[in-house]
Amino acid sequence: MKPLQKLADLYVQNNDFKNYLKYLLVMDKISQFNHNRKINIGTQYSKNGEMETAEKYYAEAINIVKN
């Protein structure tokens, strides 16, 4: 998981948000219970104007924290 996170971090540092989101989603498929990642994914979708998808990820983050 660490190599994927390093790639995601590199993309965000270089303002390549498309690939940043891509790697966040890859990591989310591997480990679905990281609420911080869900928030980051929601934030990226929000920035892309995809509010319904963003809200879905925000809700998943809330559910993870509640449980």
PDB file of N, CA and C in Angstrom:
ATOM      1  N   MET A   1       0.821  -1.192   0.000  1.00  0.00           N
ATOM      2  CA  MET A   1       0.000   0.000   0.000  1.00  0.00           C
ATOM      3  C   MET A   1       0.865   1.257   0.000  1.00  0.00           C
ATOM      4  N   LYS A   2       2.009   1.204   0.689  1.00  0.00           N
ATOM      5  CA  LYS A   2       2.861   2.387   0.763  1.00  0.00           C
ATOM      6  C   LYS A   2       3.326   2.876  -0.605  1.00  0.00           C
ATOM      7  N   PRO A   3       3.730   1.979  -1.517  1.00  0.00           N
ATOM      8  CA  PRO A   3       4.140   2.481  -2.838  1.00  0.00           C
ATOM      9  C   PRO A   3       3.013   3.215  -3.564  1.00  0.00           C
ATOM     10  N   LEU A   4       1.792   2.733  -3.425  1.00  0.00           N
ATOM     11  CA  LEU A   4       0.656   3.405  -4.056  1.00  0.00           C
ATOM     12  C   LEU A   4       0.416   4.779  -3.428  1.00  0.00           C
ATOM     13  N   GLN A   5       0.559   4.855  -2.107  1.00  0.00           N
ATOM     14  CA  GLN A   5       0.376   6.132  -1.429  1.00  0.00           C
ATOM     15  C   GLN A   5       1.462   7.123  -1.845  1.00  0.00           C
ATOM     16  N   LYS A   6       2.683   6.630  -2.007  1.00  0.00           N
ATOM     17  CA  LYS A   6       3.776   7.506  -2.455  1.00  0.00           C
ATOM     18  C   LYS A   6       3.508   8.038  -3.858  1.00  0.00           C
ATOM     19  N   LEU A   7       2.977   7.186  -4.727  1.00  0.00           N
ATOM     20  CA  LEU A   7       2.611   7.640  -6.072  1.00  0.00           C
ATOM     21  C   LEU A   7       1.512   8.693  -6.003  1.00  0.00           C
ATOM     22  N   ALA A   8       0.499   8.443  -5.198  1.00  0.00           N
ATOM     23  CA  ALA A   8      -0.591   9.408  -5.058  1.00  0.00           C
ATOM     24  C   ALA A   8      -0.054  10.739  -4.534  1.00  0.00           C
ATOM     25  N   ASP A   9       0.821  10.675  -3.534  1.00  0.00           N
ATOM     26  CA  ASP A   9       1.404  11.898  -2.971  1.00  0.00           C
ATOM     27  C   ASP A   9       2.211  12.654  -4.027  1.00  0.00           C
ATOM     28  N   LEU A  10       2.947  11.927  -4.838  1.00  0.00           N
ATOM     29  CA  LEU A  10       3.732  12.556  -5.894  1.00  0.00           C
ATOM     30  C   LEU A  10       2.830  13.267  -6.896  1.00  0.00           C
ATOM     31  N   TYR A  11       1.740  12.634  -7.267  1.00  0.00           N
ATOM     32  CA  TYR A  11       0.813  13.251  -8.222  1.00  0.00           C
ATOM     33  C   TYR A  11       0.172  14.510  -7.655  1.00  0.00           C
ATOM     34  N   VAL A  12      -0.215  14.471  -6.388  1.00  0.00           N
ATOM     35  CA  VAL A  12      -0.848  15.660  -5.817  1.00  0.00           C
ATOM     36  C   VAL A  12       0.165  16.795  -5.674  1.00  0.00           C
ATOM     37  N   GLN A  13       1.403  16.473  -5.367  1.00  0.00           N
ATOM     38  CA  GLN A  13       2.445  17.500  -5.265  1.00  0.00           C
ATOM     39  C   GLN A  13       2.709  18.170  -6.607  1.00  0.00           C
ATOM     40  N   ASN A  14       2.480  17.426  -7.677  1.00  0.00           N
ATOM     41  CA  ASN A  14       2.694  17.952  -9.024  1.00  0.00           C
ATOM     42  C   ASN A  14       1.395  18.455  -9.662  1.00  0.00           C
ATOM     43  N   ASN A  15       0.375  18.618  -8.834  1.00  0.00           N
ATOM     44  CA  ASN A  15      -0.925  19.122  -9.297  1.00  0.00           C
ATOM     45  C   ASN A  15      -1.545  18.278 -10.402  1.00  0.00           C
ATOM     46  N   ASP A  16      -1.257  16.972 -10.391  1.00  0.00           N
ATOM     47  CA  ASP A  16      -1.858  16.036 -11.335  1.00  0.00           C
ATOM     48  C   ASP A  16      -3.003  15.334 -10.606  1.00  0.00           C
ATOM     49  N   PHE A  17      -4.116  16.046 -10.480  1.00  0.00           N
ATOM     50  CA  PHE A  17      -5.209  15.558  -9.654  1.00  0.00           C
ATOM     51  C   PHE A  17      -5.964  14.394 -10.282  1.00  0.00           C
ATOM     52  N   LYS A  18      -5.891  14.272 -11.586  1.00  0.00           N
ATOM     53  CA  LYS A  18      -6.538  13.141 -12.259  1.00  0.00           C
ATOM     54  C   LYS A  18      -5.881  11.833 -11.815  1.00  0.00           C
ATOM     55  N   ASN A  19      -4.550  11.782 -11.864  1.00  0.00           N
ATOM     56  CA  ASN A  19      -3.850  10.570 -11.438  1.00  0.00           C
ATOM     57  C   ASN A  19      -3.882  10.399  -9.926  1.00  0.00           C
ATOM     58  N   TYR A  20      -3.916  11.502  -9.196  1.00  0.00           N
ATOM     59  CA  TYR A  20      -4.060  11.420  -7.741  1.00  0.00           C
ATOM     60  C   TYR A  20      -5.350  10.678  -7.398  1.00  0.00           C
ATOM     61  N   LEU A  21      -6.447  11.086  -8.016  1.00  0.00           N
ATOM     62  CA  LEU A  21      -7.728  10.429  -7.778  1.00  0.00           C
ATOM     63  C   LEU A  21      -7.678   8.969  -8.220  1.00  0.00           C
ATOM     64  N   LYS A  22      -7.043   8.723  -9.327  1.00  0.00           N
ATOM     65  CA  LYS A  22      -6.924   7.347  -9.837  1.00  0.00           C
ATOM     66  C   LYS A  22      -6.276   6.438  -8.787  1.00  0.00           C
ATOM     67  N   TYR A  23      -5.189   6.898  -8.179  1.00  0.00           N
ATOM     68  CA  TYR A  23      -4.506   6.058  -7.202  1.00  0.00           C
ATOM     69  C   TYR A  23      -5.245   5.999  -5.871  1.00  0.00           C
ATOM     70  N   LEU A  24      -5.954   7.064  -5.526  1.00  0.00           N
ATOM     71  CA  LEU A  24      -6.800   6.982  -4.332  1.00  0.00           C
ATOM     72  C   LEU A  24      -7.857   5.904  -4.511  1.00  0.00           C
ATOM     73  N   LEU A  25      -8.435   5.837  -5.701  1.00  0.00           N
ATOM     74  CA  LEU A  25      -9.471   4.830  -5.975  1.00  0.00           C
ATOM     75  C   LEU A  25      -8.890   3.419  -5.986  1.00  0.00           C
ATOM     76  N   VAL A  26      -7.675   3.265  -6.502  1.00  0.00           N
ATOM     77  CA  VAL A  26      -7.012   1.949  -6.477  1.00  0.00           C
ATOM     78  C   VAL A  26      -6.819   1.503  -5.031  1.00  0.00           C
ATOM     79  N   MET A  27      -6.315   2.421  -4.204  1.00  0.00           N
ATOM     80  CA  MET A  27      -6.100   2.071  -2.797  1.00  0.00           C
ATOM     81  C   MET A  27      -7.423   1.803  -2.088  1.00  0.00           C
ATOM     82  N   ASP A  28      -8.465   2.508  -2.469  1.00  0.00           N
ATOM     83  CA  ASP A  28      -9.772   2.303  -1.859  1.00  0.00           C
ATOM     84  C   ASP A  28     -10.328   0.919  -2.178  1.00  0.00           C
ATOM     85  N   LYS A  29     -10.028   0.407  -3.347  1.00  0.00           N
ATOM     86  CA  LYS A  29     -10.476  -0.952  -3.686  1.00  0.00           C
ATOM     87  C   LYS A  29      -9.747  -1.992  -2.848  1.00  0.00           C
ATOM     88  N   ILE A  30      -8.490  -1.708  -2.524  1.00  0.00           N
ATOM     89  CA  ILE A  30      -7.685  -2.644  -1.727  1.00  0.00           C
ATOM     90  C   ILE A  30      -8.089  -2.591  -0.259  1.00  0.00           C
ATOM     91  N   SER A  31      -8.261  -1.387   0.255  1.00  0.00           N
ATOM     92  CA  SER A  31      -8.584  -1.180   1.660  1.00  0.00           C
ATOM     93  C   SER A  31      -9.724  -0.166   1.744  1.00  0.00           C
ATOM     94  N   GLN A  32     -10.912  -0.656   2.016  1.00  0.00           N
ATOM     95  CA  GLN A  32     -12.112   0.169   1.918  1.00  0.00           C
ATOM     96  C   GLN A  32     -12.501   0.866   3.214  1.00  0.00           C
ATOM     97  N   PHE A  33     -11.687   0.744   4.256  1.00  0.00           N
ATOM     98  CA  PHE A  33     -12.098   1.270   5.553  1.00  0.00           C
ATOM     99  C   PHE A  33     -11.218   2.399   6.057  1.00  0.00           C
ATOM    100  N   ASN A  34     -10.620   3.147   5.150  1.00  0.00           N
ATOM    101  CA  ASN A  34      -9.799   4.294   5.522  1.00  0.00           C
ATOM    102  C   ASN A  34     -10.626   5.562   5.321  1.00  0.00           C
ATOM    103  N   HIS A  35     -11.095   6.131   6.424  1.00  0.00           N
ATOM    104  CA  HIS A  35     -11.991   7.287   6.313  1.00  0.00           C
ATOM    105  C   HIS A  35     -11.294   8.522   5.750  1.00  0.00           C
ATOM    106  N   ASN A  36     -10.009   8.700   6.063  1.00  0.00           N
ATOM    107  CA  ASN A  36      -9.289   9.851   5.506  1.00  0.00           C
ATOM    108  C   ASN A  36      -9.199   9.778   3.982  1.00  0.00           C
ATOM    109  N   ARG A  37      -8.981   8.576   3.469  1.00  0.00           N
ATOM    110  CA  ARG A  37      -8.911   8.409   2.022  1.00  0.00           C
ATOM    111  C   ARG A  37     -10.277   8.696   1.387  1.00  0.00           C
ATOM    112  N   LYS A  38     -11.332   8.231   2.035  1.00  0.00           N
ATOM    113  CA  LYS A  38     -12.686   8.502   1.518  1.00  0.00           C
ATOM    114  C   LYS A  38     -12.929  10.004   1.442  1.00  0.00           C
ATOM    115  N   ILE A  39     -12.488  10.735   2.458  1.00  0.00           N
ATOM    116  CA  ILE A  39     -12.641  12.191   2.454  1.00  0.00           C
ATOM    117  C   ILE A  39     -11.839  12.799   1.314  1.00  0.00           C
ATOM    118  N   ASN A  40     -10.608  12.326   1.120  1.00  0.00           N
ATOM    119  CA  ASN A  40      -9.779  12.843   0.018  1.00  0.00           C
ATOM    120  C   ASN A  40     -10.409  12.562  -1.337  1.00  0.00           C
ATOM    121  N   ILE A  41     -10.979  11.385  -1.490  1.00  0.00           N
ATOM    122  CA  ILE A  41     -11.652  11.050  -2.748  1.00  0.00           C
ATOM    123  C   ILE A  41     -12.856  11.974  -2.938  1.00  0.00           C
ATOM    124  N   GLY A  42     -13.636  12.150  -1.885  1.00  0.00           N
ATOM    125  CA  GLY A  42     -14.784  13.048  -1.961  1.00  0.00           C
ATOM    126  C   GLY A  42     -14.376  14.460  -2.321  1.00  0.00           C
ATOM    127  N   THR A  43     -13.282  14.913  -1.760  1.00  0.00           N
ATOM    128  CA  THR A  43     -12.779  16.258  -2.058  1.00  0.00           C
ATOM    129  C   THR A  43     -12.421  16.396  -3.528  1.00  0.00           C
ATOM    130  N   GLN A  44     -11.776  15.393  -4.077  1.00  0.00           N
ATOM    131  CA  GLN A  44     -11.389  15.464  -5.492  1.00  0.00           C
ATOM    132  C   GLN A  44     -12.619  15.467  -6.388  1.00  0.00           C
ATOM    133  N   TYR A  45     -13.591  14.633  -6.068  1.00  0.00           N
ATOM    134  CA  TYR A  45     -14.825  14.638  -6.863  1.00  0.00           C
ATOM    135  C   TYR A  45     -15.537  15.980  -6.737  1.00  0.00           C
ATOM    136  N   SER A  46     -15.524  16.539  -5.543  1.00  0.00           N
ATOM    137  CA  SER A  46     -16.138  17.844  -5.326  1.00  0.00           C
ATOM    138  C   SER A  46     -15.461  18.911  -6.186  1.00  0.00           C
ATOM    139  N   LYS A  47     -14.143  18.892  -6.222  1.00  0.00           N
ATOM    140  CA  LYS A  47     -13.395  19.852  -7.043  1.00  0.00           C
ATOM    141  C   LYS A  47     -13.693  19.682  -8.523  1.00  0.00           C
ATOM    142  N   ASN A  48     -14.050  18.451  -8.904  1.00  0.00           N
ATOM    143  CA  ASN A  48     -14.390  18.172 -10.311  1.00  0.00           C
ATOM    144  C   ASN A  48     -15.859  18.486 -10.608  1.00  0.00           C
ATOM    145  N   GLY A  49     -16.592  18.952  -9.602  1.00  0.00           N
ATOM    146  CA  GLY A  49     -17.995  19.286  -9.800  1.00  0.00           C
ATOM    147  C   GLY A  49     -18.923  18.090  -9.735  1.00  0.00           C
ATOM    148  N   GLU A  50     -18.433  16.956  -9.297  1.00  0.00           N
ATOM    149  CA  GLU A  50     -19.231  15.734  -9.220  1.00  0.00           C
ATOM    150  C   GLU A  50     -19.740  15.569  -7.789  1.00  0.00           C
ATOM    151  N   MET A  51     -20.692  16.412  -7.422  1.00  0.00           N
ATOM    152  CA  MET A  51     -21.141  16.494  -6.037  1.00  0.00           C
ATOM    153  C   MET A  51     -21.831  15.231  -5.529  1.00  0.00           C
ATOM    154  N   GLU A  52     -22.595  14.569  -6.368  1.00  0.00           N
ATOM    155  CA  GLU A  52     -23.271  13.343  -5.919  1.00  0.00           C
ATOM    156  C   GLU A  52     -22.268  12.267  -5.547  1.00  0.00           C
ATOM    157  N   THR A  53     -21.243  12.114  -6.360  1.00  0.00           N
ATOM    158  CA  THR A  53     -20.207  11.121  -6.076  1.00  0.00           C
ATOM    159  C   THR A  53     -19.425  11.533  -4.836  1.00  0.00           C
ATOM    160  N   ALA A  54     -19.131  12.824  -4.714  1.00  0.00           N
ATOM    161  CA  ALA A  54     -18.419  13.325  -3.540  1.00  0.00           C
ATOM    162  C   ALA A  54     -19.208  13.026  -2.269  1.00  0.00           C
ATOM    163  N   GLU A  55     -20.493  13.286  -2.313  1.00  0.00           N
ATOM    164  CA  GLU A  55     -21.337  13.045  -1.138  1.00  0.00           C
ATOM    165  C   GLU A  55     -21.357  11.574  -0.758  1.00  0.00           C
ATOM    166  N   LYS A  56     -21.309  10.700  -1.748  1.00  0.00           N
ATOM    167  CA  LYS A  56     -21.276   9.258  -1.487  1.00  0.00           C
ATOM    168  C   LYS A  56     -20.031   8.902  -0.675  1.00  0.00           C
ATOM    169  N   TYR A  57     -18.887   9.438  -1.087  1.00  0.00           N
ATOM    170  CA  TYR A  57     -17.646   9.132  -0.369  1.00  0.00           C
ATOM    171  C   TYR A  57     -17.613   9.780   1.006  1.00  0.00           C
ATOM    172  N   TYR A  58     -18.158  10.981   1.142  1.00  0.00           N
ATOM    173  CA  TYR A  58     -18.241  11.616   2.453  1.00  0.00           C
ATOM    174  C   TYR A  58     -19.116  10.783   3.388  1.00  0.00           C
ATOM    175  N   ALA A  59     -20.231  10.278   2.877  1.00  0.00           N
ATOM    176  CA  ALA A  59     -21.125   9.442   3.691  1.00  0.00           C
ATOM    177  C   ALA A  59     -20.430   8.156   4.103  1.00  0.00           C
ATOM    178  N   GLU A  60     -19.656   7.574   3.200  1.00  0.00           N
ATOM    179  CA  GLU A  60     -18.904   6.354   3.549  1.00  0.00           C
ATOM    180  C   GLU A  60     -17.897   6.648   4.649  1.00  0.00           C
ATOM    181  N   ALA A  61     -17.241   7.790   4.597  1.00  0.00           N
ATOM    182  CA  ALA A  61     -16.272   8.171   5.632  1.00  0.00           C
ATOM    183  C   ALA A  61     -16.969   8.291   6.981  1.00  0.00           C
ATOM    184  N   ILE A  62     -18.134   8.905   6.991  1.00  0.00           N
ATOM    185  CA  ILE A  62     -18.896   9.051   8.240  1.00  0.00           C
ATOM    186  C   ILE A  62     -19.276   7.695   8.793  1.00  0.00           C
ATOM    187  N   ASN A  63     -19.724   6.796   7.934  1.00  0.00           N
ATOM    188  CA  ASN A  63     -20.119   5.457   8.381  1.00  0.00           C
ATOM    189  C   ASN A  63     -18.921   4.687   8.960  1.00  0.00           C
ATOM    190  N   ILE A  64     -17.761   4.861   8.382  1.00  0.00           N
ATOM    191  CA  ILE A  64     -16.568   4.190   8.891  1.00  0.00           C
ATOM    192  C   ILE A  64     -16.248   4.678  10.298  1.00  0.00           C
ATOM    193  N   VAL A  65     -16.313   5.978  10.481  1.00  0.00           N
ATOM    194  CA  VAL A  65     -15.991   6.562  11.790  1.00  0.00           C
ATOM    195  C   VAL A  65     -17.026   6.143  12.833  1.00  0.00           C
ATOM    196  N   LYS A  66     -18.294   6.089  12.446  1.00  0.00           N
ATOM    197  CA  LYS A  66     -19.359   5.695  13.381  1.00  0.00           C
ATOM    198  C   LYS A  66     -19.200   4.264  13.864  1.00  0.00           C
ATOM    199  N   ASN A  67     -18.752   3.398  12.968  1.00  0.00           N
ATOM    200  CA  ASN A  67     -18.642   1.977  13.315  1.00  0.00           C
ATOM    201  C   ASN A  67     -17.292   1.738  13.874  1.00  0.00           C
TER     202      ASN A  67
END
